[in-house]
Amino acid sequence: MWIDVLLLAKLAAQPLHGYELRKQVEESSGRALSNNSLYPTLRRFAEAGAVTRVDEAQDGKPPRHVYTITDVGRELLHDLLADLPAELAGDPAEFFARLAGFGWLEPEERLRVLDAREHALVAQCERLAKLAAAQEDPWSRLVLAEVARRGEQEQSWLATVRARARKPSPEEESR
């Protein structure tokens, strides 16, 4: 679902053709999208009425497809951003895709997403501690301890994000 979130967020800012869209997602998230994930997702969005596709003529080349988000797509984007289900909250890509879209959310919606991520991190750290305690291999214990440390470090970072998330964004203040 993180692909859906990132694509719709980019299209909410402006209409884009596939290459521009793929490039902007990578530039803003560090995640490269293949055509095998980009175009089927755009086709699904078009079928659902979340985006429209218009062919734009190019000199001496096939037309390129320009995608524009619709009101249905904006509603879908909001719903995806505001909801981080427990089964996805442990996935960093899912969380960071939503965090990148916090400007579209109200402060209380942001806090719910942060709560979901924090609960997932706490559960992950508890699970890792149990695994490490039962692990006989010292290298495996080392790995488990490091992954737990990173989860604890992210929890500390989330506290600073939480303070910022409570404040209205400039977009909200201008409404």
N, C-alpha and C. Protein backbone atom coordinates (compact mmCIF):
# COMPACT_ATOMS: atom_id res chain seq x y z
N MET A 1 0.80 -1.20 0.00
CA MET A 1 0.00 0.00 0.00
C MET A 1 0.84 1.26 0.00
N TRP A 2 2.10 1.18 0.42
CA TRP A 2 2.93 2.39 0.45
C TRP A 2 3.05 2.99 -0.93
N ILE A 3 3.05 2.15 -1.96
CA ILE A 3 3.13 2.66 -3.34
C ILE A 3 1.90 3.50 -3.63
N ASP A 4 0.73 3.02 -3.23
CA ASP A 4 -0.51 3.76 -3.45
C ASP A 4 -0.43 5.14 -2.80
N VAL A 5 0.04 5.16 -1.55
CA VAL A 5 0.12 6.41 -0.81
C VAL A 5 1.05 7.39 -1.51
N LEU A 6 2.24 6.94 -1.87
CA LEU A 6 3.21 7.84 -2.49
C LEU A 6 2.75 8.34 -3.86
N LEU A 7 2.17 7.46 -4.66
CA LEU A 7 1.71 7.88 -5.98
C LEU A 7 0.57 8.89 -5.89
N LEU A 8 -0.40 8.60 -5.06
CA LEU A 8 -1.53 9.53 -4.93
C LEU A 8 -1.08 10.88 -4.35
N ALA A 9 -0.14 10.86 -3.41
CA ALA A 9 0.34 12.11 -2.83
C ALA A 9 1.04 12.96 -3.89
N LYS A 10 1.82 12.35 -4.74
CA LYS A 10 2.48 13.10 -5.81
C LYS A 10 1.46 13.66 -6.79
N LEU A 11 0.45 12.85 -7.13
CA LEU A 11 -0.57 13.32 -8.06
C LEU A 11 -1.48 14.38 -7.44
N ALA A 12 -1.59 14.37 -6.13
CA ALA A 12 -2.39 15.41 -5.45
C ALA A 12 -1.72 16.77 -5.59
N ALA A 13 -0.42 16.78 -5.77
CA ALA A 13 0.31 18.04 -5.92
C ALA A 13 0.20 18.58 -7.35
N GLN A 14 0.20 17.65 -8.34
CA GLN A 14 0.12 18.08 -9.74
C GLN A 14 -0.04 16.87 -10.65
N PRO A 15 -0.64 17.07 -11.83
CA PRO A 15 -0.72 15.98 -12.81
C PRO A 15 0.69 15.63 -13.29
N LEU A 16 0.93 14.35 -13.50
CA LEU A 16 2.25 13.88 -13.92
C LEU A 16 2.12 12.72 -14.90
N HIS A 17 3.12 12.59 -15.75
CA HIS A 17 3.18 11.37 -16.57
C HIS A 17 4.00 10.34 -15.82
N GLY A 18 3.96 9.11 -16.27
CA GLY A 18 4.54 8.00 -15.53
C GLY A 18 5.99 8.18 -15.14
N TYR A 19 6.83 8.62 -16.10
CA TYR A 19 8.25 8.76 -15.79
C TYR A 19 8.46 9.83 -14.72
N GLU A 20 7.78 10.97 -14.85
CA GLU A 20 7.92 12.03 -13.84
C GLU A 20 7.46 11.53 -12.48
N LEU A 21 6.37 10.79 -12.48
CA LEU A 21 5.82 10.27 -11.24
C LEU A 21 6.81 9.33 -10.56
N ARG A 22 7.34 8.41 -11.33
CA ARG A 22 8.32 7.46 -10.80
C ARG A 22 9.55 8.20 -10.27
N LYS A 23 10.02 9.19 -11.00
CA LYS A 23 11.19 9.98 -10.60
C LYS A 23 10.91 10.76 -9.31
N GLN A 24 9.76 11.39 -9.20
CA GLN A 24 9.44 12.17 -8.00
C GLN A 24 9.30 11.28 -6.76
N VAL A 25 8.71 10.12 -6.93
CA VAL A 25 8.59 9.19 -5.80
C VAL A 25 9.98 8.80 -5.31
N GLU A 26 10.86 8.48 -6.24
CA GLU A 26 12.22 8.08 -5.83
C GLU A 26 12.96 9.24 -5.18
N GLU A 27 12.84 10.44 -5.75
CA GLU A 27 13.54 11.60 -5.20
C GLU A 27 13.06 11.98 -3.80
N SER A 28 11.80 11.73 -3.51
CA SER A 28 11.26 12.13 -2.21
C SER A 28 11.29 11.02 -1.16
N SER A 29 11.44 9.78 -1.60
CA SER A 29 11.37 8.67 -0.64
C SER A 29 12.62 7.79 -0.65
N GLY A 30 13.42 7.89 -1.69
CA GLY A 30 14.57 7.01 -1.82
C GLY A 30 14.21 5.64 -2.33
N ARG A 31 12.93 5.41 -2.62
CA ARG A 31 12.47 4.10 -3.08
C ARG A 31 12.25 4.14 -4.59
N ALA A 32 12.90 3.23 -5.28
CA ALA A 32 12.74 3.13 -6.73
C ALA A 32 11.52 2.28 -7.06
N LEU A 33 10.74 2.74 -8.00
CA LEU A 33 9.59 1.98 -8.47
C LEU A 33 9.89 1.42 -9.85
N SER A 34 9.53 0.20 -10.07
CA SER A 34 9.66 -0.37 -11.41
C SER A 34 8.38 -0.09 -12.18
N ASN A 35 8.48 -0.17 -13.48
CA ASN A 35 7.28 -0.04 -14.31
C ASN A 35 6.26 -1.12 -13.97
N ASN A 36 6.76 -2.29 -13.51
CA ASN A 36 5.87 -3.39 -13.16
C ASN A 36 5.04 -3.12 -11.92
N SER A 37 5.43 -2.17 -11.11
CA SER A 37 4.60 -1.79 -9.97
C SER A 37 3.88 -0.48 -10.24
N LEU A 38 4.50 0.43 -10.99
CA LEU A 38 3.90 1.73 -11.26
C LEU A 38 2.64 1.63 -12.12
N TYR A 39 2.76 1.06 -13.30
CA TYR A 39 1.65 1.11 -14.25
C TYR A 39 0.45 0.26 -13.86
N PRO A 40 0.64 -0.93 -13.29
CA PRO A 40 -0.55 -1.64 -12.81
C PRO A 40 -1.29 -0.87 -11.71
N THR A 41 -0.54 -0.17 -10.85
CA THR A 41 -1.19 0.62 -9.80
C THR A 41 -1.96 1.77 -10.42
N LEU A 42 -1.37 2.46 -11.39
CA LEU A 42 -2.07 3.56 -12.06
C LEU A 42 -3.31 3.06 -12.81
N ARG A 43 -3.20 1.89 -13.42
CA ARG A 43 -4.35 1.30 -14.13
C ARG A 43 -5.47 0.99 -13.13
N ARG A 44 -5.09 0.45 -11.97
CA ARG A 44 -6.08 0.15 -10.93
C ARG A 44 -6.75 1.44 -10.44
N PHE A 45 -5.95 2.49 -10.24
CA PHE A 45 -6.52 3.78 -9.83
C PHE A 45 -7.48 4.32 -10.88
N ALA A 46 -7.11 4.21 -12.14
CA ALA A 46 -7.99 4.70 -13.21
C ALA A 46 -9.30 3.92 -13.24
N GLU A 47 -9.23 2.61 -13.08
CA GLU A 47 -10.44 1.78 -13.07
C GLU A 47 -11.34 2.12 -11.89
N ALA A 48 -10.73 2.53 -10.76
CA ALA A 48 -11.50 2.88 -9.56
C ALA A 48 -11.99 4.33 -9.59
N GLY A 49 -11.58 5.09 -10.59
CA GLY A 49 -11.98 6.49 -10.67
C GLY A 49 -11.16 7.41 -9.78
N ALA A 50 -10.02 6.94 -9.30
CA ALA A 50 -9.17 7.75 -8.43
C ALA A 50 -8.25 8.68 -9.23
N VAL A 51 -7.97 8.30 -10.47
CA VAL A 51 -7.18 9.16 -11.37
C VAL A 51 -7.81 9.11 -12.75
N THR A 52 -7.49 10.15 -13.52
CA THR A 52 -7.84 10.13 -14.94
C THR A 52 -6.53 10.09 -15.72
N ARG A 53 -6.62 9.58 -16.93
CA ARG A 53 -5.45 9.49 -17.79
C ARG A 53 -5.78 10.18 -19.10
N VAL A 54 -4.91 11.12 -19.50
CA VAL A 54 -5.08 11.84 -20.76
C VAL A 54 -3.81 11.64 -21.57
N ASP A 55 -4.00 11.37 -22.85
CA ASP A 55 -2.84 11.23 -23.74
C ASP A 55 -2.37 12.61 -24.17
N GLU A 56 -1.07 12.84 -24.01
CA GLU A 56 -0.46 14.12 -24.39
C GLU A 56 0.45 13.85 -25.58
N ALA A 57 0.18 14.53 -26.70
CA ALA A 57 0.97 14.32 -27.92
C ALA A 57 2.40 14.80 -27.73
N GLN A 58 3.33 14.07 -28.40
CA GLN A 58 4.74 14.45 -28.42
C GLN A 58 5.22 14.38 -29.86
N ASP A 59 6.06 15.30 -30.25
CA ASP A 59 6.58 15.32 -31.62
C ASP A 59 7.44 14.09 -31.89
N GLY A 60 7.03 13.30 -32.89
CA GLY A 60 7.82 12.16 -33.32
C GLY A 60 7.88 11.00 -32.34
N LYS A 61 7.07 11.05 -31.30
CA LYS A 61 7.06 9.98 -30.29
C LYS A 61 5.62 9.58 -30.01
N PRO A 62 5.45 8.40 -29.43
CA PRO A 62 4.09 8.04 -29.02
C PRO A 62 3.60 9.02 -27.94
N PRO A 63 2.30 9.18 -27.83
CA PRO A 63 1.79 10.08 -26.79
C PRO A 63 2.14 9.56 -25.40
N ARG A 64 2.35 10.47 -24.49
CA ARG A 64 2.59 10.04 -23.11
C ARG A 64 1.30 10.23 -22.33
N HIS A 65 1.14 9.40 -21.33
CA HIS A 65 -0.07 9.41 -20.52
C HIS A 65 0.15 10.30 -19.30
N VAL A 66 -0.71 11.29 -19.15
CA VAL A 66 -0.63 12.19 -18.00
C VAL A 66 -1.77 11.83 -17.05
N TYR A 67 -1.41 11.62 -15.79
CA TYR A 67 -2.37 11.18 -14.77
C TYR A 67 -2.71 12.35 -13.86
N THR A 68 -4.00 12.47 -13.56
CA THR A 68 -4.50 13.53 -12.68
C THR A 68 -5.38 12.89 -11.62
N ILE A 69 -5.18 13.31 -10.39
CA ILE A 69 -5.99 12.77 -9.29
C ILE A 69 -7.40 13.36 -9.37
N THR A 70 -8.38 12.58 -8.98
CA THR A 70 -9.78 13.02 -8.94
C THR A 70 -10.18 13.24 -7.48
N ASP A 71 -11.41 13.71 -7.28
CA ASP A 71 -11.91 13.85 -5.90
C ASP A 71 -11.94 12.49 -5.20
N VAL A 72 -12.29 11.44 -5.95
CA VAL A 72 -12.27 10.09 -5.38
C VAL A 72 -10.85 9.73 -4.95
N GLY A 73 -9.87 10.09 -5.76
CA GLY A 73 -8.47 9.82 -5.43
C GLY A 73 -8.00 10.60 -4.22
N ARG A 74 -8.45 11.85 -4.09
CA ARG A 74 -8.08 12.65 -2.92
C ARG A 74 -8.67 12.05 -1.64
N GLU A 75 -9.89 11.57 -1.75
CA GLU A 75 -10.52 10.92 -0.60
C GLU A 75 -9.79 9.63 -0.25
N LEU A 76 -9.43 8.86 -1.27
CA LEU A 76 -8.68 7.63 -1.05
C LEU A 76 -7.32 7.94 -0.42
N LEU A 77 -6.64 8.97 -0.92
CA LEU A 77 -5.35 9.36 -0.35
C LEU A 77 -5.51 9.70 1.12
N HIS A 78 -6.51 10.51 1.44
CA HIS A 78 -6.72 10.88 2.84
C HIS A 78 -6.95 9.64 3.70
N ASP A 79 -7.80 8.74 3.23
CA ASP A 79 -8.11 7.53 4.00
C ASP A 79 -6.86 6.67 4.20
N LEU A 80 -6.04 6.54 3.17
CA LEU A 80 -4.82 5.74 3.29
C LEU A 80 -3.83 6.39 4.24
N LEU A 81 -3.70 7.71 4.16
CA LEU A 81 -2.77 8.42 5.04
C LEU A 81 -3.20 8.35 6.49
N ALA A 82 -4.49 8.48 6.74
CA ALA A 82 -4.99 8.58 8.11
C ALA A 82 -5.11 7.23 8.79
N ASP A 83 -4.98 6.15 8.04
CA ASP A 83 -5.15 4.82 8.63
C ASP A 83 -3.87 4.01 8.46
N LEU A 84 -3.31 3.60 9.57
CA LEU A 84 -2.16 2.69 9.54
C LEU A 84 -2.57 1.45 10.33
N PRO A 85 -3.13 0.44 9.63
CA PRO A 85 -3.60 -0.75 10.33
C PRO A 85 -2.46 -1.46 11.07
N ALA A 86 -2.81 -2.11 12.14
CA ALA A 86 -1.81 -2.80 12.97
C ALA A 86 -0.95 -3.76 12.15
N GLU A 87 -1.55 -4.43 11.18
CA GLU A 87 -0.77 -5.40 10.40
C GLU A 87 0.24 -4.72 9.47
N LEU A 88 0.11 -3.42 9.24
CA LEU A 88 1.07 -2.68 8.41
C LEU A 88 1.98 -1.76 9.23
N ALA A 89 1.61 -1.51 10.48
CA ALA A 89 2.32 -0.52 11.30
C ALA A 89 3.77 -0.90 11.58
N GLY A 90 4.10 -2.17 11.51
CA GLY A 90 5.47 -2.60 11.75
C GLY A 90 6.37 -2.48 10.53
N ASP A 91 5.79 -2.17 9.38
CA ASP A 91 6.54 -2.05 8.14
C ASP A 91 7.02 -0.61 7.97
N PRO A 92 8.33 -0.38 8.01
CA PRO A 92 8.83 1.00 7.89
C PRO A 92 8.36 1.71 6.62
N ALA A 93 8.30 1.02 5.49
CA ALA A 93 7.87 1.66 4.24
C ALA A 93 6.45 2.19 4.36
N GLU A 94 5.58 1.42 4.98
CA GLU A 94 4.19 1.85 5.16
C GLU A 94 4.11 3.08 6.06
N PHE A 95 4.87 3.05 7.15
CA PHE A 95 4.85 4.18 8.07
C PHE A 95 5.43 5.43 7.42
N PHE A 96 6.60 5.32 6.80
CA PHE A 96 7.25 6.49 6.24
C PHE A 96 6.47 7.09 5.08
N ALA A 97 5.78 6.27 4.30
CA ALA A 97 4.93 6.80 3.23
C ALA A 97 3.84 7.69 3.83
N ARG A 98 3.26 7.26 4.92
CA ARG A 98 2.22 8.07 5.57
C ARG A 98 2.81 9.31 6.23
N LEU A 99 3.95 9.15 6.88
CA LEU A 99 4.60 10.29 7.52
C LEU A 99 4.90 11.38 6.49
N ALA A 100 5.33 11.00 5.31
CA ALA A 100 5.62 11.97 4.25
C ALA A 100 4.38 12.75 3.84
N GLY A 101 3.20 12.19 4.09
CA GLY A 101 1.95 12.84 3.74
C GLY A 101 1.25 13.52 4.90
N PHE A 102 1.94 13.71 6.01
CA PHE A 102 1.31 14.30 7.19
C PHE A 102 0.75 15.69 6.93
N GLY A 103 1.25 16.40 5.95
CA GLY A 103 0.72 17.72 5.62
C GLY A 103 -0.73 17.69 5.18
N TRP A 104 -1.20 16.54 4.74
CA TRP A 104 -2.58 16.39 4.29
C TRP A 104 -3.53 16.05 5.45
N LEU A 105 -2.98 15.78 6.63
CA LEU A 105 -3.78 15.30 7.75
C LEU A 105 -3.93 16.35 8.85
N GLU A 106 -4.99 16.20 9.60
CA GLU A 106 -5.20 17.01 10.80
C GLU A 106 -4.31 16.45 11.92
N PRO A 107 -3.95 17.28 12.90
CA PRO A 107 -3.07 16.80 13.97
C PRO A 107 -3.55 15.52 14.66
N GLU A 108 -4.84 15.40 14.94
CA GLU A 108 -5.31 14.19 15.64
C GLU A 108 -5.18 12.94 14.76
N GLU A 109 -5.29 13.10 13.44
CA GLU A 109 -5.10 11.97 12.53
C GLU A 109 -3.63 11.55 12.52
N ARG A 110 -2.74 12.53 12.52
CA ARG A 110 -1.31 12.24 12.56
C ARG A 110 -0.97 11.45 13.82
N LEU A 111 -1.53 11.89 14.94
CA LEU A 111 -1.22 11.24 16.22
C LEU A 111 -1.70 9.79 16.23
N ARG A 112 -2.82 9.50 15.58
CA ARG A 112 -3.29 8.11 15.51
C ARG A 112 -2.31 7.25 14.71
N VAL A 113 -1.76 7.79 13.63
CA VAL A 113 -0.78 7.05 12.83
C VAL A 113 0.48 6.82 13.67
N LEU A 114 0.93 7.84 14.38
CA LEU A 114 2.10 7.69 15.24
C LEU A 114 1.86 6.67 16.35
N ASP A 115 0.65 6.68 16.91
CA ASP A 115 0.30 5.68 17.94
C ASP A 115 0.42 4.26 17.39
N ALA A 116 -0.10 4.06 16.18
CA ALA A 116 -0.05 2.74 15.57
C ALA A 116 1.39 2.28 15.37
N ARG A 117 2.24 3.18 14.90
CA ARG A 117 3.66 2.83 14.69
C ARG A 117 4.33 2.54 16.03
N GLU A 118 4.06 3.37 17.02
CA GLU A 118 4.69 3.17 18.33
C GLU A 118 4.27 1.84 18.95
N HIS A 119 3.00 1.50 18.86
CA HIS A 119 2.53 0.20 19.39
C HIS A 119 3.24 -0.95 18.67
N ALA A 120 3.41 -0.82 17.37
CA ALA A 120 4.09 -1.88 16.62
C ALA A 120 5.55 -1.99 17.05
N LEU A 121 6.21 -0.86 17.27
CA LEU A 121 7.62 -0.90 17.70
C LEU A 121 7.77 -1.49 19.09
N VAL A 122 6.88 -1.15 20.00
CA VAL A 122 6.94 -1.71 21.36
C VAL A 122 6.77 -3.22 21.29
N ALA A 123 5.79 -3.68 20.53
CA ALA A 123 5.56 -5.12 20.40
C ALA A 123 6.76 -5.81 19.76
N GLN A 124 7.34 -5.17 18.76
CA GLN A 124 8.51 -5.75 18.09
C GLN A 124 9.69 -5.86 19.07
N CYS A 125 9.93 -4.82 19.86
CA CYS A 125 11.05 -4.84 20.81
C CYS A 125 10.84 -5.91 21.88
N GLU A 126 9.60 -6.07 22.34
CA GLU A 126 9.30 -7.11 23.33
C GLU A 126 9.54 -8.50 22.74
N ARG A 127 9.10 -8.69 21.51
CA ARG A 127 9.29 -9.98 20.84
C ARG A 127 10.77 -10.27 20.64
N LEU A 128 11.52 -9.26 20.23
CA LEU A 128 12.95 -9.45 20.00
C LEU A 128 13.69 -9.75 21.30
N ALA A 129 13.29 -9.12 22.39
CA ALA A 129 13.93 -9.39 23.69
C ALA A 129 13.72 -10.84 24.09
N LYS A 130 12.51 -11.36 23.88
CA LYS A 130 12.23 -12.76 24.21
C LYS A 130 13.06 -13.70 23.33
N LEU A 131 13.13 -13.37 22.05
CA LEU A 131 13.92 -14.20 21.14
C LEU A 131 15.39 -14.18 21.52
N ALA A 132 15.91 -13.00 21.85
CA ALA A 132 17.33 -12.88 22.21
C ALA A 132 17.63 -13.66 23.48
N ALA A 133 16.73 -13.61 24.45
CA ALA A 133 16.94 -14.32 25.72
C ALA A 133 17.00 -15.83 25.50
N ALA A 134 16.28 -16.33 24.52
CA ALA A 134 16.25 -17.76 24.26
C ALA A 134 17.29 -18.20 23.24
N GLN A 135 17.97 -17.27 22.63
CA GLN A 135 18.92 -17.58 21.56
C GLN A 135 20.28 -17.99 22.13
N GLU A 136 20.75 -19.15 21.71
CA GLU A 136 22.05 -19.64 22.18
C GLU A 136 23.20 -19.07 21.37
N ASP A 137 22.99 -18.85 20.09
CA ASP A 137 24.05 -18.37 19.21
C ASP A 137 24.34 -16.89 19.51
N PRO A 138 25.59 -16.56 19.87
CA PRO A 138 25.91 -15.18 20.23
C PRO A 138 25.75 -14.19 19.08
N TRP A 139 25.99 -14.63 17.85
CA TRP A 139 25.84 -13.74 16.70
C TRP A 139 24.36 -13.43 16.46
N SER A 140 23.53 -14.41 16.62
CA SER A 140 22.08 -14.16 16.48
C SER A 140 21.59 -13.24 17.58
N ARG A 141 22.10 -13.42 18.80
CA ARG A 141 21.74 -12.51 19.90
C ARG A 141 22.18 -11.08 19.57
N LEU A 142 23.36 -10.95 18.98
CA LEU A 142 23.87 -9.63 18.59
C LEU A 142 22.94 -8.97 17.58
N VAL A 143 22.52 -9.72 16.60
CA VAL A 143 21.60 -9.19 15.58
C VAL A 143 20.27 -8.79 16.21
N LEU A 144 19.71 -9.67 17.02
CA LEU A 144 18.44 -9.36 17.67
C LEU A 144 18.54 -8.13 18.56
N ALA A 145 19.64 -8.00 19.27
CA ALA A 145 19.84 -6.84 20.14
C ALA A 145 19.95 -5.55 19.31
N GLU A 146 20.61 -5.62 18.18
CA GLU A 146 20.75 -4.43 17.34
C GLU A 146 19.42 -4.01 16.73
N VAL A 147 18.65 -4.97 16.26
CA VAL A 147 17.33 -4.64 15.70
C VAL A 147 16.45 -4.03 16.79
N ALA A 148 16.51 -4.58 17.99
CA ALA A 148 15.74 -4.01 19.11
C ALA A 148 16.22 -2.60 19.44
N ARG A 149 17.53 -2.38 19.41
CA ARG A 149 18.07 -1.04 19.69
C ARG A 149 17.56 -0.03 18.68
N ARG A 150 17.51 -0.42 17.43
CA ARG A 150 17.01 0.48 16.39
C ARG A 150 15.53 0.80 16.62
N GLY A 151 14.77 -0.19 17.04
CA GLY A 151 13.36 0.05 17.35
C GLY A 151 13.20 1.02 18.51
N GLU A 152 14.04 0.85 19.53
CA GLU A 152 14.00 1.77 20.68
C GLU A 152 14.43 3.17 20.28
N GLN A 153 15.41 3.24 19.40
CA GLN A 153 15.87 4.54 18.91
C GLN A 153 14.75 5.23 18.12
N GLU A 154 14.05 4.47 17.31
CA GLU A 154 12.93 5.06 16.56
C GLU A 154 11.84 5.54 17.51
N GLN A 155 11.60 4.81 18.59
CA GLN A 155 10.60 5.26 19.56
C GLN A 155 10.98 6.63 20.13
N SER A 156 12.24 6.84 20.41
CA SER A 156 12.69 8.15 20.90
C SER A 156 12.47 9.22 19.84
N TRP A 157 12.80 8.89 18.62
CA TRP A 157 12.61 9.83 17.51
C TRP A 157 11.13 10.16 17.33
N LEU A 158 10.27 9.16 17.50
CA LEU A 158 8.84 9.39 17.36
C LEU A 158 8.32 10.44 18.35
N ALA A 159 8.94 10.53 19.51
CA ALA A 159 8.54 11.55 20.48
C ALA A 159 8.74 12.94 19.91
N THR A 160 9.82 13.17 19.18
CA THR A 160 10.03 14.48 18.56
C THR A 160 9.07 14.70 17.40
N VAL A 161 8.80 13.65 16.66
CA VAL A 161 7.84 13.75 15.56
C VAL A 161 6.45 14.05 16.12
N ARG A 162 6.12 13.42 17.22
CA ARG A 162 4.81 13.62 17.86
C ARG A 162 4.61 15.09 18.24
N ALA A 163 5.63 15.72 18.79
CA ALA A 163 5.52 17.12 19.18
C ALA A 163 5.24 18.00 17.95
N ARG A 164 5.90 17.70 16.86
CA ARG A 164 5.69 18.45 15.62
C ARG A 164 4.32 18.15 15.01
N ALA A 165 3.88 16.90 15.13
CA ALA A 165 2.61 16.48 14.52
C ALA A 165 1.41 17.13 15.19
N ARG A 166 1.57 17.58 16.42
CA ARG A 166 0.46 18.21 17.15
C ARG A 166 0.14 19.60 16.60
N LYS A 167 1.09 20.20 15.91
CA LYS A 167 0.91 21.56 15.40
C LYS A 167 0.23 21.51 14.04
N PRO A 168 -0.65 22.45 13.77
CA PRO A 168 -1.26 22.50 12.45
C PRO A 168 -0.20 22.82 11.39
N SER A 169 -0.35 22.23 10.22
CA SER A 169 0.56 22.51 9.14
C SER A 169 0.22 23.87 8.53
N PRO A 170 1.14 24.47 7.75
CA PRO A 170 0.82 25.74 7.09
C PRO A 170 -0.43 25.65 6.22
N GLU A 171 -0.64 24.47 5.60
CA GLU A 171 -1.85 24.28 4.77
C GLU A 171 -3.11 24.40 5.62
N GLU A 172 -3.06 23.81 6.83
CA GLU A 172 -4.23 23.86 7.72
C GLU A 172 -4.47 25.28 8.22
N GLU A 173 -3.40 26.00 8.51
CA GLU A 173 -3.55 27.36 9.00
C GLU A 173 -4.12 28.28 7.94
N SER A 174 -3.88 27.99 6.67
CA SER A 174 -4.39 28.84 5.60
C SER A 174 -5.83 28.52 5.22
N ARG A 175 -6.36 27.42 5.75
CA ARG A 175 -7.75 27.04 5.41
C ARG A 175 -8.74 27.91 6.13
